[in-house]
N, C-alpha and C. Protein backbone atom coordinates (compact mmCIF):
# COMPACT_ATOMS: atom_id res chain seq x y z
N UNK A 1 4.60 -9.07 -17.99
CA UNK A 1 3.53 -9.83 -17.38
C UNK A 1 3.09 -9.20 -16.06
N UNK A 2 4.03 -8.88 -15.19
CA UNK A 2 3.68 -8.34 -13.87
C UNK A 2 3.10 -6.93 -13.96
N UNK A 3 3.18 -6.29 -15.11
CA UNK A 3 2.63 -4.94 -15.24
C UNK A 3 1.21 -4.95 -15.79
N UNK A 4 0.64 -6.13 -16.06
CA UNK A 4 -0.70 -6.14 -16.65
C UNK A 4 -1.74 -5.54 -15.72
N UNK A 5 -1.53 -5.62 -14.41
CA UNK A 5 -2.48 -5.00 -13.48
C UNK A 5 -2.43 -3.48 -13.58
N UNK A 6 -1.24 -2.96 -13.76
CA UNK A 6 -1.06 -1.51 -13.94
C UNK A 6 -1.71 -1.05 -15.24
N UNK A 7 -1.51 -1.81 -16.31
CA UNK A 7 -2.11 -1.48 -17.59
C UNK A 7 -3.64 -1.57 -17.52
N UNK A 8 -4.13 -2.54 -16.76
CA UNK A 8 -5.58 -2.69 -16.59
C UNK A 8 -6.18 -1.41 -16.01
N UNK A 9 -5.58 -0.91 -14.95
CA UNK A 9 -6.08 0.32 -14.31
C UNK A 9 -6.02 1.50 -15.28
N UNK A 10 -4.93 1.60 -16.01
CA UNK A 10 -4.76 2.71 -16.95
C UNK A 10 -5.83 2.66 -18.05
N UNK A 11 -6.04 1.50 -18.62
CA UNK A 11 -7.00 1.37 -19.73
C UNK A 11 -8.44 1.58 -19.24
N UNK A 12 -8.81 0.90 -18.15
CA UNK A 12 -10.17 1.06 -17.63
C UNK A 12 -10.42 2.48 -17.15
N UNK A 13 -9.41 3.14 -16.64
CA UNK A 13 -9.55 4.51 -16.16
C UNK A 13 -9.83 5.51 -17.25
N UNK A 14 -9.63 5.15 -18.49
CA UNK A 14 -9.91 6.03 -19.63
C UNK A 14 -11.38 6.00 -20.04
N UNK A 15 -12.10 5.02 -19.54
CA UNK A 15 -13.50 4.84 -19.95
C UNK A 15 -14.39 5.19 -18.76
N UNK A 16 -15.18 6.23 -18.90
CA UNK A 16 -15.96 6.76 -17.78
C UNK A 16 -16.76 5.68 -17.06
N UNK A 17 -17.39 4.79 -17.79
CA UNK A 17 -18.24 3.76 -17.17
C UNK A 17 -17.42 2.76 -16.36
N UNK A 18 -16.13 2.62 -16.65
CA UNK A 18 -15.29 1.64 -15.97
C UNK A 18 -14.41 2.23 -14.87
N UNK A 19 -14.40 3.54 -14.72
CA UNK A 19 -13.57 4.18 -13.70
C UNK A 19 -13.83 3.58 -12.31
N UNK A 20 -15.10 3.33 -11.93
CA UNK A 20 -15.34 2.78 -10.58
C UNK A 20 -14.72 1.40 -10.34
N UNK A 21 -14.47 0.63 -11.38
CA UNK A 21 -13.92 -0.71 -11.19
C UNK A 21 -12.44 -0.81 -11.54
N UNK A 22 -11.85 0.26 -12.01
CA UNK A 22 -10.45 0.22 -12.44
C UNK A 22 -9.52 -0.19 -11.30
N UNK A 23 -9.73 0.37 -10.12
CA UNK A 23 -8.88 0.04 -8.97
C UNK A 23 -9.05 -1.39 -8.52
N UNK A 24 -10.27 -1.88 -8.58
CA UNK A 24 -10.54 -3.28 -8.19
C UNK A 24 -9.83 -4.22 -9.15
N UNK A 25 -9.99 -3.98 -10.43
CA UNK A 25 -9.34 -4.83 -11.43
C UNK A 25 -7.83 -4.77 -11.31
N UNK A 26 -7.29 -3.60 -11.01
CA UNK A 26 -5.84 -3.45 -10.88
C UNK A 26 -5.29 -4.17 -9.67
N UNK A 27 -6.14 -4.43 -8.67
CA UNK A 27 -5.68 -5.05 -7.42
C UNK A 27 -5.89 -6.56 -7.39
N UNK A 28 -6.22 -7.17 -8.50
CA UNK A 28 -6.56 -8.59 -8.46
C UNK A 28 -5.38 -9.53 -8.18
N UNK A 29 -4.17 -9.01 -8.20
CA UNK A 29 -3.01 -9.83 -7.82
C UNK A 29 -2.40 -9.40 -6.49
N UNK A 30 -3.08 -8.53 -5.77
CA UNK A 30 -2.62 -8.15 -4.43
C UNK A 30 -2.99 -9.27 -3.46
N UNK A 31 -2.23 -9.42 -2.39
CA UNK A 31 -2.46 -10.50 -1.42
C UNK A 31 -2.50 -9.93 -0.01
N UNK A 32 -3.24 -10.59 0.87
CA UNK A 32 -3.41 -10.12 2.24
C UNK A 32 -2.07 -9.89 2.94
N UNK A 33 -1.10 -10.73 2.67
CA UNK A 33 0.19 -10.62 3.35
C UNK A 33 1.15 -9.63 2.67
N UNK A 34 0.68 -8.94 1.63
CA UNK A 34 1.50 -7.95 0.93
C UNK A 34 2.41 -8.52 -0.13
N UNK A 35 2.31 -9.81 -0.40
CA UNK A 35 3.21 -10.45 -1.37
C UNK A 35 2.76 -10.29 -2.81
N UNK A 36 1.63 -9.66 -3.03
CA UNK A 36 1.12 -9.51 -4.40
C UNK A 36 1.77 -8.36 -5.14
N UNK A 37 1.16 -8.00 -6.27
CA UNK A 37 1.69 -6.89 -7.07
C UNK A 37 0.52 -6.20 -7.75
N UNK A 38 0.55 -5.06 -8.17
CA UNK A 38 1.65 -4.18 -8.49
C UNK A 38 1.84 -3.07 -7.45
N UNK A 39 0.90 -2.93 -6.54
CA UNK A 39 0.98 -1.85 -5.56
C UNK A 39 1.51 -2.28 -4.19
N UNK A 40 1.60 -3.58 -3.95
CA UNK A 40 2.07 -4.07 -2.66
C UNK A 40 1.08 -3.84 -1.53
N UNK A 41 -0.21 -3.79 -1.88
CA UNK A 41 -1.25 -3.59 -0.86
C UNK A 41 -1.34 -4.83 0.02
N UNK A 42 -1.88 -4.65 1.23
CA UNK A 42 -2.02 -5.77 2.16
C UNK A 42 -3.23 -5.55 3.04
N UNK A 43 -3.71 -6.65 3.60
CA UNK A 43 -4.76 -6.63 4.60
C UNK A 43 -5.90 -5.67 4.35
N UNK A 44 -6.08 -4.76 5.30
CA UNK A 44 -7.22 -3.83 5.24
C UNK A 44 -7.12 -2.82 4.10
N UNK A 45 -5.98 -2.74 3.44
CA UNK A 45 -5.84 -1.85 2.28
C UNK A 45 -6.60 -2.40 1.07
N UNK A 46 -6.95 -3.67 1.13
CA UNK A 46 -7.65 -4.31 0.02
C UNK A 46 -9.15 -4.30 0.28
N UNK A 47 -9.90 -3.75 -0.64
CA UNK A 47 -11.35 -3.74 -0.51
C UNK A 47 -11.94 -5.12 -0.72
N UNK A 48 -13.20 -5.25 -0.35
CA UNK A 48 -13.91 -6.52 -0.47
C UNK A 48 -13.94 -7.03 -1.90
N UNK A 49 -14.20 -6.14 -2.85
CA UNK A 49 -14.29 -6.55 -4.25
C UNK A 49 -12.94 -7.05 -4.77
N UNK A 50 -11.86 -6.38 -4.40
CA UNK A 50 -10.52 -6.81 -4.83
C UNK A 50 -10.17 -8.16 -4.22
N UNK A 51 -10.58 -8.38 -2.97
CA UNK A 51 -10.32 -9.66 -2.32
C UNK A 51 -11.07 -10.79 -3.03
N UNK A 52 -12.32 -10.53 -3.37
CA UNK A 52 -13.12 -11.54 -4.06
C UNK A 52 -12.57 -11.82 -5.45
N UNK A 53 -12.19 -10.77 -6.16
CA UNK A 53 -11.65 -10.95 -7.51
C UNK A 53 -10.34 -11.72 -7.48
N UNK A 54 -9.52 -11.52 -6.46
CA UNK A 54 -8.26 -12.26 -6.34
C UNK A 54 -8.51 -13.76 -6.21
N UNK A 55 -9.53 -14.12 -5.43
CA UNK A 55 -9.88 -15.54 -5.27
C UNK A 55 -10.41 -16.11 -6.58
N UNK A 56 -11.32 -15.39 -7.21
CA UNK A 56 -11.89 -15.86 -8.48
C UNK A 56 -10.81 -16.00 -9.55
N UNK A 57 -9.91 -15.04 -9.59
CA UNK A 57 -8.84 -15.07 -10.59
C UNK A 57 -7.91 -16.26 -10.36
N UNK A 58 -7.57 -16.53 -9.10
CA UNK A 58 -6.70 -17.66 -8.82
C UNK A 58 -7.38 -18.98 -9.21
N UNK A 59 -8.64 -19.12 -8.84
CA UNK A 59 -9.35 -20.35 -9.17
C UNK A 59 -9.45 -20.53 -10.69
N UNK A 60 -9.77 -19.47 -11.38
CA UNK A 60 -9.88 -19.55 -12.84
C UNK A 60 -8.54 -19.91 -13.45
N UNK A 61 -7.46 -19.30 -12.95
CA UNK A 61 -6.12 -19.59 -13.49
C UNK A 61 -5.74 -21.05 -13.26
N UNK A 62 -6.13 -21.60 -12.14
CA UNK A 62 -5.82 -23.00 -11.84
C UNK A 62 -6.63 -23.98 -12.69
N UNK A 63 -7.87 -23.64 -12.98
CA UNK A 63 -8.75 -24.57 -13.68
C UNK A 63 -8.75 -24.41 -15.20
N UNK A 64 -8.21 -23.32 -15.69
CA UNK A 64 -8.20 -23.08 -17.14
C UNK A 64 -7.09 -23.86 -17.81
N UNK A 65 -7.39 -24.39 -18.97
CA UNK A 65 -6.35 -25.01 -19.79
C UNK A 65 -5.42 -23.92 -20.32
N UNK A 66 -4.15 -24.19 -20.28
CA UNK A 66 -3.14 -23.28 -20.79
C UNK A 66 -2.34 -24.01 -21.87
N UNK A 67 -1.67 -23.29 -22.74
CA UNK A 67 -0.88 -23.97 -23.77
C UNK A 67 0.17 -24.91 -23.18
N UNK A 68 0.62 -24.63 -21.97
CA UNK A 68 1.70 -25.40 -21.36
C UNK A 68 1.23 -26.42 -20.32
N UNK A 69 -0.11 -26.45 -20.02
CA UNK A 69 -0.62 -27.44 -19.07
C UNK A 69 -2.14 -27.48 -19.13
N UNK A 70 -2.68 -28.62 -18.73
CA UNK A 70 -4.13 -28.75 -18.63
C UNK A 70 -4.60 -28.13 -17.31
N UNK A 71 -5.80 -27.60 -17.32
CA UNK A 71 -6.36 -27.04 -16.10
C UNK A 71 -6.64 -28.14 -15.07
N UNK A 72 -6.60 -27.75 -13.81
CA UNK A 72 -6.89 -28.69 -12.73
C UNK A 72 -8.39 -28.91 -12.60
N UNK A 73 -8.77 -30.05 -12.07
CA UNK A 73 -10.17 -30.30 -11.73
C UNK A 73 -10.54 -29.46 -10.51
N UNK A 74 -11.83 -29.40 -10.22
CA UNK A 74 -12.37 -28.55 -9.16
C UNK A 74 -11.70 -28.78 -7.80
N UNK A 75 -11.67 -30.01 -7.33
CA UNK A 75 -11.18 -30.27 -5.98
C UNK A 75 -9.69 -29.97 -5.79
N UNK A 76 -8.81 -30.37 -6.70
CA UNK A 76 -7.41 -29.98 -6.53
C UNK A 76 -7.20 -28.45 -6.56
N UNK A 77 -7.96 -27.78 -7.42
CA UNK A 77 -7.86 -26.32 -7.49
C UNK A 77 -8.35 -25.69 -6.19
N UNK A 78 -9.48 -26.17 -5.68
CA UNK A 78 -10.00 -25.65 -4.41
C UNK A 78 -9.04 -25.91 -3.26
N UNK A 79 -8.36 -27.03 -3.26
CA UNK A 79 -7.39 -27.32 -2.21
C UNK A 79 -6.27 -26.29 -2.21
N UNK A 80 -5.82 -25.90 -3.37
CA UNK A 80 -4.76 -24.88 -3.47
C UNK A 80 -5.28 -23.54 -2.98
N UNK A 81 -6.48 -23.17 -3.42
CA UNK A 81 -7.07 -21.90 -2.98
C UNK A 81 -7.27 -21.91 -1.47
N UNK A 82 -7.81 -23.00 -0.93
CA UNK A 82 -8.03 -23.11 0.52
C UNK A 82 -6.72 -22.95 1.30
N UNK A 83 -5.64 -23.49 0.77
CA UNK A 83 -4.35 -23.42 1.45
C UNK A 83 -3.85 -21.98 1.58
N UNK A 84 -4.33 -21.10 0.72
CA UNK A 84 -3.91 -19.69 0.75
C UNK A 84 -4.85 -18.83 1.60
N UNK A 85 -5.99 -19.38 2.02
CA UNK A 85 -6.98 -18.62 2.80
C UNK A 85 -6.39 -18.20 4.14
N UNK A 86 -6.51 -16.92 4.45
CA UNK A 86 -6.04 -16.40 5.72
C UNK A 86 -4.64 -15.83 5.68
N UNK A 87 -3.84 -16.25 4.70
CA UNK A 87 -2.49 -15.69 4.58
C UNK A 87 -2.41 -14.80 3.34
N UNK A 88 -2.68 -15.38 2.19
CA UNK A 88 -2.65 -14.62 0.95
C UNK A 88 -4.04 -14.21 0.49
N UNK A 89 -5.02 -15.07 0.70
CA UNK A 89 -6.38 -14.83 0.22
C UNK A 89 -7.36 -14.64 1.38
N UNK A 90 -8.38 -13.87 1.11
CA UNK A 90 -9.42 -13.59 2.10
C UNK A 90 -10.25 -14.85 2.36
N UNK A 91 -10.30 -15.32 3.62
CA UNK A 91 -11.06 -16.53 3.92
C UNK A 91 -12.55 -16.40 3.62
N UNK A 92 -13.11 -15.23 3.80
CA UNK A 92 -14.54 -15.01 3.50
C UNK A 92 -14.78 -15.18 2.01
N UNK A 93 -13.88 -14.66 1.20
CA UNK A 93 -14.01 -14.80 -0.26
C UNK A 93 -13.81 -16.24 -0.70
N UNK A 94 -12.91 -16.95 -0.05
CA UNK A 94 -12.70 -18.37 -0.38
C UNK A 94 -13.97 -19.15 -0.04
N UNK A 95 -14.57 -18.88 1.11
CA UNK A 95 -15.82 -19.54 1.47
C UNK A 95 -16.93 -19.23 0.48
N UNK A 96 -16.99 -17.99 0.01
CA UNK A 96 -17.99 -17.61 -0.98
C UNK A 96 -17.80 -18.37 -2.29
N UNK A 97 -16.56 -18.55 -2.70
CA UNK A 97 -16.27 -19.35 -3.90
C UNK A 97 -16.76 -20.77 -3.70
N UNK A 98 -16.45 -21.36 -2.54
CA UNK A 98 -16.87 -22.73 -2.27
C UNK A 98 -18.39 -22.87 -2.31
N UNK A 99 -19.09 -21.91 -1.71
CA UNK A 99 -20.57 -21.95 -1.74
C UNK A 99 -21.10 -21.83 -3.16
N UNK A 100 -20.49 -20.95 -3.91
CA UNK A 100 -20.92 -20.75 -5.30
C UNK A 100 -20.72 -22.01 -6.13
N UNK A 101 -19.59 -22.67 -5.95
CA UNK A 101 -19.33 -23.89 -6.70
C UNK A 101 -20.21 -25.05 -6.25
N UNK A 102 -20.57 -25.07 -4.97
CA UNK A 102 -21.46 -26.13 -4.45
C UNK A 102 -22.85 -26.00 -5.05
N UNK A 103 -23.23 -24.78 -5.40
CA UNK A 103 -24.55 -24.54 -5.97
C UNK A 103 -24.62 -24.84 -7.46
N UNK A 104 -23.45 -25.06 -8.08
CA UNK A 104 -23.44 -25.26 -9.54
C UNK A 104 -23.32 -26.72 -9.91
């Protein structure tokens, strides 16, 4: 499971059109405080796109139905994401998610 980010980079890197996004996709579980995986990147080592994708991925994971649990509603999921802003998740990206959801 924890190697799926590594496999993502490897697979996307084989396709010329996807090479530019392979690193971003591979970094979607990295966290500002360095607690993520698979590369252990932190803070300024994470590009804007990787930071945004990490927020989107977390929100989607919280709200999606899984075989072992029902997805959370919008507000409880946003509360969890907000709690990670500034430590694990980029606050600018969290704000962008909130604006995007307010518009929908």
